[in-house]
PDB file of N, CA and C in Angstrom:
ATOM      1  N   MET A   1       0.447  -1.224  -0.037  1.00  0.00           N
ATOM      2  CA  MET A   1       0.207  -0.107  -0.150  1.00  0.00           C
ATOM      3  C   MET A   1       0.569   1.444  -0.038  1.00  0.00           C
ATOM      4  N   GLU A   2       2.033   0.948   0.511  1.00  0.00           N
ATOM      5  CA  GLU A   2       2.852   2.310   0.714  1.00  0.00           C
ATOM      6  C   GLU A   2       3.777   2.736  -0.605  1.00  0.00           C
ATOM      7  N   LEU A   3       3.719   1.581  -1.700  1.00  0.00           N
ATOM      8  CA  LEU A   3       4.380   2.032  -2.904  1.00  0.00           C
ATOM      9  C   LEU A   3       3.291   2.793  -3.684  1.00  0.00           C
ATOM     10  N   VAL A   4       2.270   2.524  -3.624  1.00  0.00           N
ATOM     11  CA  VAL A   4       1.001   3.573  -4.470  1.00  0.00           C
ATOM     12  C   VAL A   4       0.391   4.421  -3.541  1.00  0.00           C
ATOM     13  N   GLY A   5       0.980   4.794  -2.357  1.00  0.00           N
ATOM     14  CA  GLY A   5       0.644   5.954  -1.710  1.00  0.00           C
ATOM     15  C   GLY A   5      -0.675   5.895  -0.759  1.00  0.00           C
ATOM     16  N   ILE A   6      -1.582   4.977  -0.445  1.00  0.00           N
ATOM     17  CA  ILE A   6      -2.567   4.941  -0.295  1.00  0.00           C
ATOM     18  C   ILE A   6      -2.704   4.082   1.159  1.00  0.00           C
ATOM     19  N   GLY A   7      -3.713   4.769   2.194  1.00  0.00           N
ATOM     20  CA  GLY A   7      -3.806   3.731   3.250  1.00  0.00           C
ATOM     21  C   GLY A   7      -4.347   2.154   3.693  1.00  0.00           C
ATOM     22  N   GLU A   8      -5.244   2.490   4.427  1.00  0.00           N
ATOM     23  CA  GLU A   8      -5.435   0.336   4.313  1.00  0.00           C
ATOM     24  C   GLU A   8      -5.931   0.263   3.626  1.00  0.00           C
ATOM     25  N   GLY A   9      -7.081  -1.255   3.198  1.00  0.00           N
ATOM     26  CA  GLY A   9      -7.247  -2.196   2.645  1.00  0.00           C
ATOM     27  C   GLY A   9      -8.313  -1.625   2.034  1.00  0.00           C
ATOM     28  N   GLY A  10      -9.365  -1.003   3.019  1.00  0.00           N
ATOM     29  CA  GLY A  10     -10.541  -0.514   2.315  1.00  0.00           C
ATOM     30  C   GLY A  10     -10.872   1.236   1.027  1.00  0.00           C
ATOM     31  N   GLU A  11      -9.325   1.669   1.524  1.00  0.00           N
ATOM     32  CA  GLU A  11      -8.764   2.822   0.859  1.00  0.00           C
ATOM     33  C   GLU A  11      -8.210   2.220  -0.786  1.00  0.00           C
ATOM     34  N   LEU A  12      -7.456   1.326  -0.397  1.00  0.00           N
ATOM     35  CA  LEU A  12      -6.744   0.810  -2.369  1.00  0.00           C
ATOM     36  C   LEU A  12      -8.025   0.391  -2.786  1.00  0.00           C
ATOM     37  N   SER A  13      -9.332  -0.424  -2.151  1.00  0.00           N
ATOM     38  CA  SER A  13     -10.507  -1.384  -2.861  1.00  0.00           C
ATOM     39  C   SER A  13     -10.871   0.117  -3.325  1.00  0.00           C
ATOM     40  N   GLY A  14     -11.273   1.098  -2.630  1.00  0.00           N
ATOM     41  CA  GLY A  14     -11.980   2.362  -3.748  1.00  0.00           C
ATOM     42  C   GLY A  14     -11.124   3.005  -4.535  1.00  0.00           C
ATOM     43  N   THR A  15      -9.833   3.227  -4.076  1.00  0.00           N
ATOM     44  CA  THR A  15      -8.979   3.800  -4.937  1.00  0.00           C
ATOM     45  C   THR A  15      -9.290   3.297  -6.753  1.00  0.00           C
ATOM     46  N   HIS A  16      -8.666   2.010  -6.308  1.00  0.00           N
ATOM     47  CA  HIS A  16      -8.543   1.121  -7.355  1.00  0.00           C
ATOM     48  C   HIS A  16     -10.022   1.153  -8.026  1.00  0.00           C
ATOM     49  N   LYS A  17     -10.951   0.638  -7.520  1.00  0.00           N
ATOM     50  CA  LYS A  17     -12.082   1.126  -8.368  1.00  0.00           C
ATOM     51  C   LYS A  17     -12.865   2.148  -9.172  1.00  0.00           C
ATOM     52  N   GLY A  18     -12.229   3.571  -8.434  1.00  0.00           N
ATOM     53  CA  GLY A  18     -11.890   4.671  -9.289  1.00  0.00           C
ATOM     54  C   GLY A  18     -11.129   4.553 -10.162  1.00  0.00           C
ATOM     55  N   TRP A  19     -10.080   4.091 -10.256  1.00  0.00           N
ATOM     56  CA  TRP A  19      -9.513   4.045 -11.613  1.00  0.00           C
ATOM     57  C   TRP A  19      -9.707   3.410 -12.748  1.00  0.00           C
ATOM     58  N   VAL A  20     -11.068   2.246 -12.390  1.00  0.00           N
ATOM     59  CA  VAL A  20     -11.135   1.086 -13.354  1.00  0.00           C
ATOM     60  C   VAL A  20     -12.223   1.954 -13.857  1.00  0.00           C
ATOM     61  N   ASP A  21     -13.009   2.582 -13.046  1.00  0.00           N
ATOM     62  CA  ASP A  21     -14.394   3.401 -13.465  1.00  0.00           C
ATOM     63  C   ASP A  21     -14.021   4.451 -14.308  1.00  0.00           C
ATOM     64  N   GLU A  22     -12.897   5.566 -14.290  1.00  0.00           N
ATOM     65  CA  GLU A  22     -12.368   6.410 -15.229  1.00  0.00           C
ATOM     66  C   GLU A  22     -11.641   5.463 -16.354  1.00  0.00           C
ATOM     67  N   ILE A  23     -11.071   4.454 -16.432  1.00  0.00           N
ATOM     68  CA  ILE A  23     -10.573   4.102 -17.792  1.00  0.00           C
ATOM     69  C   ILE A  23     -11.887   3.282 -17.797  1.00  0.00           C
ATOM     70  N   LEU A  24     -12.925   2.649 -17.923  1.00  0.00           N
ATOM     71  CA  LEU A  24     -13.904   2.387 -18.647  1.00  0.00           C
ATOM     72  C   LEU A  24     -14.759   3.738 -19.525  1.00  0.00           C
ATOM     73  N   ARG A  25     -14.477   5.037 -18.102  1.00  0.00           N
ATOM     74  CA  ARG A  25     -15.677   6.284 -18.934  1.00  0.00           C
ATOM     75  C   ARG A  25     -14.801   6.856 -20.096  1.00  0.00           C
ATOM     76  N   SER A  26     -13.280   6.480 -20.205  1.00  0.00           N
ATOM     77  CA  SER A  26     -12.501   7.346 -20.985  1.00  0.00           C
ATOM     78  C   SER A  26     -12.286   6.876 -23.001  1.00  0.00           C
ATOM     79  N   GLY A  27     -13.120   5.128 -22.597  1.00  0.00           N
ATOM     80  CA  GLY A  27     -12.909   3.798 -23.255  1.00  0.00           C
ATOM     81  C   GLY A  27     -11.739   3.750 -24.181  1.00  0.00           C
ATOM     82  N   LYS A  28     -10.326   4.084 -23.337  1.00  0.00           N
ATOM     83  CA  LYS A  28      -9.190   3.134 -23.317  1.00  0.00           C
ATOM     84  C   LYS A  28      -9.082   2.027 -22.941  1.00  0.00           C
ATOM     85  N   ILE A  29      -9.806   1.165 -23.260  1.00  0.00           N
ATOM     86  CA  ILE A  29      -9.794  -0.594 -23.015  1.00  0.00           C
ATOM     87  C   ILE A  29      -8.781  -1.477 -24.046  1.00  0.00           C
ATOM     88  N   THR A  30      -7.770  -0.613 -23.521  1.00  0.00           N
ATOM     89  CA  THR A  30      -6.876  -1.495 -24.686  1.00  0.00           C
ATOM     90  C   THR A  30      -5.209  -2.208 -23.336  1.00  0.00           C
ATOM     91  N   ARG A  31      -5.025  -3.193 -24.033  1.00  0.00           N
ATOM     92  CA  ARG A  31      -3.615  -3.088 -23.169  1.00  0.00           C
ATOM     93  C   ARG A  31      -2.272  -2.460 -23.304  1.00  0.00           C
ATOM     94  N   GLU A  32      -2.021  -1.830 -22.636  1.00  0.00           N
ATOM     95  CA  GLU A  32      -0.787  -1.012 -22.410  1.00  0.00           C
ATOM     96  C   GLU A  32       0.597  -1.597 -22.296  1.00  0.00           C
ATOM     97  N   SER A  33       1.108  -1.757 -23.232  1.00  0.00           N
ATOM     98  CA  SER A  33       2.611  -2.552 -23.285  1.00  0.00           C
ATOM     99  C   SER A  33       3.435  -2.299 -21.815  1.00  0.00           C
ATOM    100  N   LYS A  34       3.503  -1.176 -21.680  1.00  0.00           N
ATOM    101  CA  LYS A  34       4.402  -0.740 -20.428  1.00  0.00           C
ATOM    102  C   LYS A  34       4.132  -1.691 -19.278  1.00  0.00           C
ATOM    103  N   TRP A  35       2.814  -2.097 -18.875  1.00  0.00           N
ATOM    104  CA  TRP A  35       1.751  -2.645 -17.995  1.00  0.00           C
ATOM    105  C   TRP A  35       2.629  -4.428 -18.273  1.00  0.00           C
ATOM    106  N   THR A  36       2.123  -4.422 -19.021  1.00  0.00           N
ATOM    107  CA  THR A  36       2.432  -6.081 -19.580  1.00  0.00           C
ATOM    108  C   THR A  36       3.568  -6.895 -19.882  1.00  0.00           C
ATOM    109  N   GLU A  37       4.570  -5.730 -20.727  1.00  0.00           N
ATOM    110  CA  GLU A  37       6.201  -6.572 -20.959  1.00  0.00           C
ATOM    111  C   GLU A  37       7.006  -5.731 -20.974  1.00  0.00           C
ATOM    112  N   SER A  38       6.700  -5.061 -19.313  1.00  0.00           N
ATOM    113  CA  SER A  38       7.906  -4.765 -17.981  1.00  0.00           C
ATOM    114  C   SER A  38       8.343  -5.210 -17.356  1.00  0.00           C
ATOM    115  N   VAL A  39       9.409  -4.960 -16.985  1.00  0.00           N
ATOM    116  CA  VAL A  39       9.820  -5.765 -15.370  1.00  0.00           C
ATOM    117  C   VAL A  39       9.068  -4.817 -14.379  1.00  0.00           C
ATOM    118  N   ALA A  40       9.585  -3.554 -14.035  1.00  0.00           N
ATOM    119  CA  ALA A  40       8.775  -2.475 -13.563  1.00  0.00           C
ATOM    120  C   ALA A  40       8.750  -0.980 -14.588  1.00  0.00           C
ATOM    121  N   VAL A  41       7.310  -0.734 -13.509  1.00  0.00           N
ATOM    122  CA  VAL A  41       6.948   0.833 -14.179  1.00  0.00           C
ATOM    123  C   VAL A  41       6.957   1.597 -12.907  1.00  0.00           C
ATOM    124  N   GLY A  42       7.436   3.094 -13.325  1.00  0.00           N
ATOM    125  CA  GLY A  42       7.376   3.692 -12.397  1.00  0.00           C
ATOM    126  C   GLY A  42       8.444   5.236 -12.630  1.00  0.00           C
ATOM    127  N   GLY A  43       8.520   5.567 -11.434  1.00  0.00           N
ATOM    128  CA  GLY A  43       9.608   6.871 -11.223  1.00  0.00           C
ATOM    129  C   GLY A  43      10.912   6.252 -11.634  1.00  0.00           C
ATOM    130  N   LYS A  44      11.748   7.306 -11.571  1.00  0.00           N
ATOM    131  CA  LYS A  44      13.362   7.141 -11.918  1.00  0.00           C
ATOM    132  C   LYS A  44      14.116   6.732 -10.815  1.00  0.00           C
ATOM    133  N   HIS A  45      13.685   6.765  -9.440  1.00  0.00           N
ATOM    134  CA  HIS A  45      13.963   6.506  -8.032  1.00  0.00           C
ATOM    135  C   HIS A  45      13.758   4.944  -8.184  1.00  0.00           C
ATOM    136  N   PHE A  46      12.660   4.683  -8.342  1.00  0.00           N
ATOM    137  CA  PHE A  46      11.449   3.375  -8.092  1.00  0.00           C
ATOM    138  C   PHE A  46      12.626   2.661  -9.068  1.00  0.00           C
ATOM    139  N   ILE A  47      12.663   2.457 -10.507  1.00  0.00           N
ATOM    140  CA  ILE A  47      12.859   1.767 -11.506  1.00  0.00           C
ATOM    141  C   ILE A  47      14.539   1.718 -11.034  1.00  0.00           C
ATOM    142  N   GLY A  48      14.988   2.759 -10.654  1.00  0.00           N
ATOM    143  CA  GLY A  48      16.817   2.561 -10.279  1.00  0.00           C
ATOM    144  C   GLY A  48      16.890   1.858  -8.843  1.00  0.00           C
ATOM    145  N   LYS A  49      15.864   1.450  -7.844  1.00  0.00           N
ATOM    146  CA  LYS A  49      16.306   0.997  -6.953  1.00  0.00           C
ATOM    147  C   LYS A  49      16.132  -0.451  -7.193  1.00  0.00           C
ATOM    148  N   VAL A  50      14.817  -0.976  -8.537  1.00  0.00           N
ATOM    149  CA  VAL A  50      14.476  -1.875  -8.732  1.00  0.00           C
ATOM    150  C   VAL A  50      15.941  -2.706  -9.577  1.00  0.00           C
ATOM    151  N   ARG A  51      16.232  -2.099 -10.384  1.00  0.00           N
ATOM    152  CA  ARG A  51      17.240  -2.326 -11.127  1.00  0.00           C
ATOM    153  C   ARG A  51      18.407  -2.918 -10.191  1.00  0.00           C
ATOM    154  N   GLU A  52      18.929  -1.846  -8.991  1.00  0.00           N
ATOM    155  CA  GLU A  52      20.119  -2.141  -8.188  1.00  0.00           C
ATOM    156  C   GLU A  52      19.437  -3.776  -7.247  1.00  0.00           C
ATOM    157  N   GLU A  53      17.981  -3.918  -7.012  1.00  0.00           N
ATOM    158  CA  GLU A  53      17.891  -4.957  -6.711  1.00  0.00           C
ATOM    159  C   GLU A  53      18.101  -6.059  -6.707  1.00  0.00           C
ATOM    160  N   LEU A  54      17.930  -6.538  -8.616  1.00  0.00           N
ATOM    161  CA  LEU A  54      18.195  -7.421  -9.225  1.00  0.00           C
ATOM    162  C   LEU A  54      19.329  -7.682  -9.528  1.00  0.00           C
ATOM    163  N   GLY A  55      20.966  -6.765  -8.901  1.00  0.00           N
ATOM    164  CA  GLY A  55      21.794  -6.947  -9.759  1.00  0.00           C
ATOM    165  C   GLY A  55      21.990  -7.242 -10.708  1.00  0.00           C
ATOM    166  N   ILE A  56      22.616  -8.141 -10.688  1.00  0.00           N
ATOM    167  CA  ILE A  56      23.419  -9.134 -12.693  1.00  0.00           C
ATOM    168  C   ILE A  56      22.391  -9.109 -12.664  1.00  0.00           C
ATOM    169  N   ARG A  57      21.377  -9.820 -12.782  1.00  0.00           N
ATOM    170  CA  ARG A  57      20.052  -9.796 -13.122  1.00  0.00           C
ATOM    171  C   ARG A  57      19.317  -8.940 -14.123  1.00  0.00           C
ATOM    172  N   ALA A  58      19.982  -7.861 -13.896  1.00  0.00           N
ATOM    173  CA  ALA A  58      19.132  -6.293 -14.643  1.00  0.00           C
ATOM    174  C   ALA A  58      20.236  -6.407 -15.963  1.00  0.00           C
ATOM    175  N   ALA A  59      21.062  -7.076 -15.962  1.00  0.00           N
ATOM    176  CA  ALA A  59      22.578  -6.913 -17.035  1.00  0.00           C
ATOM    177  C   ALA A  59      21.439  -7.273 -18.602  1.00  0.00           C
ATOM    178  N   GLY A  60      21.439  -6.139 -19.121  1.00  0.00           N
ATOM    179  CA  GLY A  60      20.907  -5.882 -20.317  1.00  0.00           C
ATOM    180  C   GLY A  60      19.102  -5.731 -20.618  1.00  0.00           C
ATOM    181  N   ARG A  61      18.926  -5.563 -19.628  1.00  0.00           N
ATOM    182  CA  ARG A  61      17.590  -4.951 -19.002  1.00  0.00           C
ATOM    183  C   ARG A  61      17.854  -3.153 -19.584  1.00  0.00           C
ATOM    184  N   ASP A  62      17.055  -2.587 -20.389  1.00  0.00           N
ATOM    185  CA  ASP A  62      16.821  -1.018 -21.114  1.00  0.00           C
ATOM    186  C   ASP A  62      16.044  -0.478 -19.859  1.00  0.00           C
ATOM    187  N   ILE A  63      16.256   1.214 -19.721  1.00  0.00           N
ATOM    188  CA  ILE A  63      15.290   1.563 -18.584  1.00  0.00           C
ATOM    189  C   ILE A  63      15.344   2.612 -19.964  1.00  0.00           C
ATOM    190  N   ILE A  64      13.475   3.008 -20.021  1.00  0.00           N
ATOM    191  CA  ILE A  64      12.988   3.371 -21.123  1.00  0.00           C
ATOM    192  C   ILE A  64      11.727   4.657 -21.048  1.00  0.00           C
ATOM    193  N   GLU A  65      12.025   5.790 -20.932  1.00  0.00           N
ATOM    194  CA  GLU A  65      11.485   6.967 -20.698  1.00  0.00           C
ATOM    195  C   GLU A  65       9.704   6.818 -21.580  1.00  0.00           C
ATOM    196  N   ASN A  66       9.047   6.946 -20.651  1.00  0.00           N
ATOM    197  CA  ASN A  66       8.070   7.286 -21.001  1.00  0.00           C
ATOM    198  C   ASN A  66       7.072   7.660 -20.742  1.00  0.00           C
ATOM    199  N   GLY A  67       6.858   9.518 -21.334  1.00  0.00           N
ATOM    200  CA  GLY A  67       6.121  10.264 -20.713  1.00  0.00           C
ATOM    201  C   GLY A  67       6.814  11.168 -18.817  1.00  0.00           C
ATOM    202  N   ILE A  68       5.850  10.366 -18.030  1.00  0.00           N
ATOM    203  CA  ILE A  68       6.437  11.345 -16.743  1.00  0.00           C
ATOM    204  C   ILE A  68       6.888   9.736 -15.824  1.00  0.00           C
ATOM    205  N   SER A  69       6.643   8.371 -16.531  1.00  0.00           N
ATOM    206  CA  SER A  69       6.917   7.272 -15.641  1.00  0.00           C
ATOM    207  C   SER A  69       8.557   6.873 -16.735  1.00  0.00           C
ATOM    208  N   GLN A  70       8.647   5.609 -15.899  1.00  0.00           N
ATOM    209  CA  GLN A  70      10.247   4.844 -16.999  1.00  0.00           C
ATOM    210  C   GLN A  70       9.663   3.270 -16.909  1.00  0.00           C
ATOM    211  N   GLU A  71       9.996   2.659 -17.354  1.00  0.00           N
ATOM    212  CA  GLU A  71      10.056   1.279 -17.897  1.00  0.00           C
ATOM    213  C   GLU A  71      11.425   0.819 -17.913  1.00  0.00           C
ATOM    214  N   LEU A  72      11.491  -0.324 -16.892  1.00  0.00           N
ATOM    215  CA  LEU A  72      12.531  -1.624 -17.226  1.00  0.00           C
ATOM    216  C   LEU A  72      12.050  -2.807 -17.680  1.00  0.00           C
ATOM    217  N   ARG A  73      12.879  -2.580 -18.685  1.00  0.00           N
ATOM    218  CA  ARG A  73      12.215  -3.942 -20.226  1.00  0.00           C
ATOM    219  C   ARG A  73      13.254  -4.729 -20.103  1.00  0.00           C
ATOM    220  N   GLU A  74      12.516  -6.262 -21.249  1.00  0.00           N
ATOM    221  CA  GLU A  74      13.640  -6.999 -20.617  1.00  0.00           C
ATOM    222  C   GLU A  74      14.046  -6.848 -22.717  1.00  0.00           C
ATOM    223  N   PRO A  75      15.145  -7.230 -23.400  1.00  0.00           N
ATOM    224  CA  PRO A  75      16.091  -6.882 -24.294  1.00  0.00           C
ATOM    225  C   PRO A  75      14.423  -7.979 -25.527  1.00  0.00           C
ATOM    226  N   GLY A  76      14.273  -6.947 -26.544  1.00  0.00           N
ATOM    227  CA  GLY A  76      13.354  -7.584 -27.196  1.00  0.00           C
ATOM    228  C   GLY A  76      14.586  -8.912 -27.920  1.00  0.00           C
ATOM    229  N   VAL A  77      13.621 -10.112 -28.151  1.00  0.00           N
ATOM    230  CA  VAL A  77      14.244 -11.537 -28.900  1.00  0.00           C
ATOM    231  C   VAL A  77      13.362 -11.850 -29.692  1.00  0.00           C
ATOM    232  N   SER A  78      13.774 -12.626 -31.097  1.00  0.00           N
ATOM    233  CA  SER A  78      13.239 -12.977 -31.847  1.00  0.00           C
ATOM    234  C   SER A  78      12.638 -14.548 -31.439  1.00  0.00           C
ATOM    235  N   TYR A  79      11.520 -15.065 -31.851  1.00  0.00           N
ATOM    236  CA  TYR A  79      10.959 -16.126 -31.759  1.00  0.00           C
ATOM    237  C   TYR A  79      10.753 -17.082 -33.146  1.00  0.00           C
ATOM    238  N   SER A  80      11.638 -16.322 -33.638  1.00  0.00           N
ATOM    239  CA  SER A  80      11.931 -17.301 -35.292  1.00  0.00           C
ATOM    240  C   SER A  80      13.508 -17.715 -35.824  1.00  0.00           C
ATOM    241  N   TYR A  81      13.662 -18.659 -34.623  1.00  0.00           N
ATOM    242  CA  TYR A  81      14.933 -19.014 -35.000  1.00  0.00           C
ATOM    243  C   TYR A  81      15.001 -20.457 -35.618  1.00  0.00           C
ATOM    244  N   ASP A  82      15.688 -20.283 -36.663  1.00  0.00           N
ATOM    245  CA  ASP A  82      15.516 -21.297 -37.082  1.00  0.00           C
ATOM    246  C   ASP A  82      16.346 -22.606 -36.895  1.00  0.00           C
ATOM    247  N   PHE A  83      15.832 -23.891 -36.769  1.00  0.00           N
ATOM    248  CA  PHE A  83      16.170 -24.891 -36.152  1.00  0.00           C
ATOM    249  C   PHE A  83      16.435 -26.028 -37.665  1.00  0.00           C
ATOM    250  N   GLY A  84      16.265 -25.205 -38.566  1.00  0.00           N
ATOM    251  CA  GLY A  84      17.141 -25.968 -40.064  1.00  0.00           C
ATOM    252  C   GLY A  84      16.195 -27.321 -39.520  1.00  0.00           C
ATOM    253  N   PHE A  85      16.892 -28.846 -40.053  1.00  0.00           N
ATOM    254  CA  PHE A  85      16.257 -29.871 -39.843  1.00  0.00           C
ATOM    255  C   PHE A  85      16.141 -30.695 -38.542  1.00  0.00           C
ATOM    256  N   GLU A  86      16.781 -29.856 -37.665  1.00  0.00           N
ATOM    257  CA  GLU A  86      15.969 -30.605 -36.510  1.00  0.00           C
ATOM    258  C   GLU A  86      14.097 -30.098 -36.139  1.00  0.00           C
ATOM    259  N   ASN A  87      13.911 -29.478 -37.163  1.00  0.00           N
ATOM    260  CA  ASN A  87      12.287 -28.421 -36.837  1.00  0.00           C
ATOM    261  C   ASN A  87      11.718 -28.949 -38.417  1.00  0.00           C
ATOM    262  N   SER A  88      12.201 -30.342 -39.202  1.00  0.00           N
ATOM    263  CA  SER A  88      11.868 -31.031 -40.324  1.00  0.00           C
ATOM    264  C   SER A  88      10.218 -31.957 -39.485  1.00  0.00           C
ATOM    265  N   THR A  89       9.451 -32.480 -41.124  1.00  0.00           N
ATOM    266  CA  THR A  89       8.835 -33.321 -40.602  1.00  0.00           C
ATOM    267  C   THR A  89       9.700 -34.759 -40.086  1.00  0.00           C
ATOM    268  N   LEU A  90       8.583 -35.360 -39.351  1.00  0.00           N
ATOM    269  CA  LEU A  90       9.243 -36.602 -39.051  1.00  0.00           C
ATOM    270  C   LEU A  90       9.257 -37.872 -39.939  1.00  0.00           C
ATOM    271  N   SER A  91      10.589 -38.391 -40.258  1.00  0.00           N
ATOM    272  CA  SER A  91      10.393 -39.536 -41.129  1.00  0.00           C
ATOM    273  C   SER A  91       9.587 -41.454 -40.428  1.00  0.00           C
ATOM    274  N   SER A  92       9.322 -41.920 -41.486  1.00  0.00           N
ATOM    275  CA  SER A  92       9.098 -43.091 -41.203  1.00  0.00           C
ATOM    276  C   SER A  92       9.969 -43.729 -39.806  1.00  0.00           C
ATOM    277  N   GLU A  93      11.320 -43.633 -40.177  1.00  0.00           N
ATOM    278  CA  GLU A  93      12.216 -44.005 -39.571  1.00  0.00           C
ATOM    279  C   GLU A  93      12.495 -42.970 -38.099  1.00  0.00           C
ATOM    280  N   ASN A  94      11.716 -42.621 -37.870  1.00  0.00           N
ATOM    281  CA  ASN A  94      11.708 -41.987 -36.711  1.00  0.00           C
ATOM    282  C   ASN A  94      10.315 -42.634 -36.093  1.00  0.00           C
ATOM    283  N   THR A  95      10.143 -43.905 -35.728  1.00  0.00           N
ATOM    284  CA  THR A  95       8.972 -44.405 -35.510  1.00  0.00           C
ATOM    285  C   THR A  95       8.665 -45.314 -33.709  1.00  0.00           C
ATOM    286  N   TYR A  96       8.093 -45.352 -33.428  1.00  0.00           N
ATOM    287  CA  TYR A  96       8.298 -46.544 -32.623  1.00  0.00           C
ATOM    288  C   TYR A  96       6.707 -47.532 -32.644  1.00  0.00           C
ATOM    289  N   PHE A  97       6.386 -47.917 -32.553  1.00  0.00           N
ATOM    290  CA  PHE A  97       5.408 -49.197 -32.302  1.00  0.00           C
ATOM    291  C   PHE A  97       4.840 -49.609 -31.074  1.00  0.00           C
ATOM    292  N   TRP A  98       4.019 -49.115 -30.753  1.00  0.00           N
ATOM    293  CA  TRP A  98       2.974 -49.430 -28.888  1.00  0.00           C
ATOM    294  C   TRP A  98       3.215 -51.002 -29.190  1.00  0.00           C
ATOM    295  N   VAL A  99       3.598 -51.809 -28.720  1.00  0.00           N
ATOM    296  CA  VAL A  99       2.936 -53.016 -28.551  1.00  0.00           C
ATOM    297  C   VAL A  99       2.018 -53.195 -26.868  1.00  0.00           C
ATOM    298  N   LEU A 100       0.512 -53.341 -27.466  1.00  0.00           N
ATOM    299  CA  LEU A 100      -0.369 -52.983 -25.392  1.00  0.00           C
ATOM    300  C   LEU A 100      -0.007 -54.193 -24.900  1.00  0.00           C
ATOM    301  N   PRO A 101       0.158 -54.349 -24.007  1.00  0.00           N
ATOM    302  CA  PRO A 101       0.086 -55.534 -23.106  1.00  0.00           C
ATOM    303  C   PRO A 101      -1.475 -56.083 -23.218  1.00  0.00           C
ATOM    304  N   SER A 102      -1.777 -57.231 -23.194  1.00  0.00           N
ATOM    305  CA  SER A 102      -2.975 -57.844 -23.005  1.00  0.00           C
ATOM    306  C   SER A 102      -3.458 -57.895 -21.592  1.00  0.00           C
ATOM    307  N   PHE A 103      -4.129 -57.044 -20.889  1.00  0.00           N
ATOM    308  CA  PHE A 103      -4.452 -57.599 -19.230  1.00  0.00           C
ATOM    309  C   PHE A 103      -5.799 -58.951 -19.349  1.00  0.00           C
ATOM    310  N   ALA A 104      -5.792 -59.914 -19.671  1.00  0.00           N
ATOM    311  CA  ALA A 104      -6.904 -60.954 -19.696  1.00  0.00           C
ATOM    312  C   ALA A 104      -7.050 -61.733 -18.439  1.00  0.00           C
TER     313      ALA A 104
END
């Protein structure tokens, strides 16, 4: 609760409801990549602290300025690696026929 500057649970619940209502009224109901693709989102001090806490695990993660906030992100990776022959269709030589035991 301290991170978002809100007191007890009831206050957090009411504040969260207000945030959701505001988004619904604005009509901006889309996924925001900063929340779904970042390790951390926040101010410069917060991002620096998260990066410090991650230590060596923060290596290669980029800090991106995004308006009034910053994001700590993983480097982009390609999912289109060419496995070559490993990814070809199975051949008839790569077949194992199961012999089921009879339970008589």
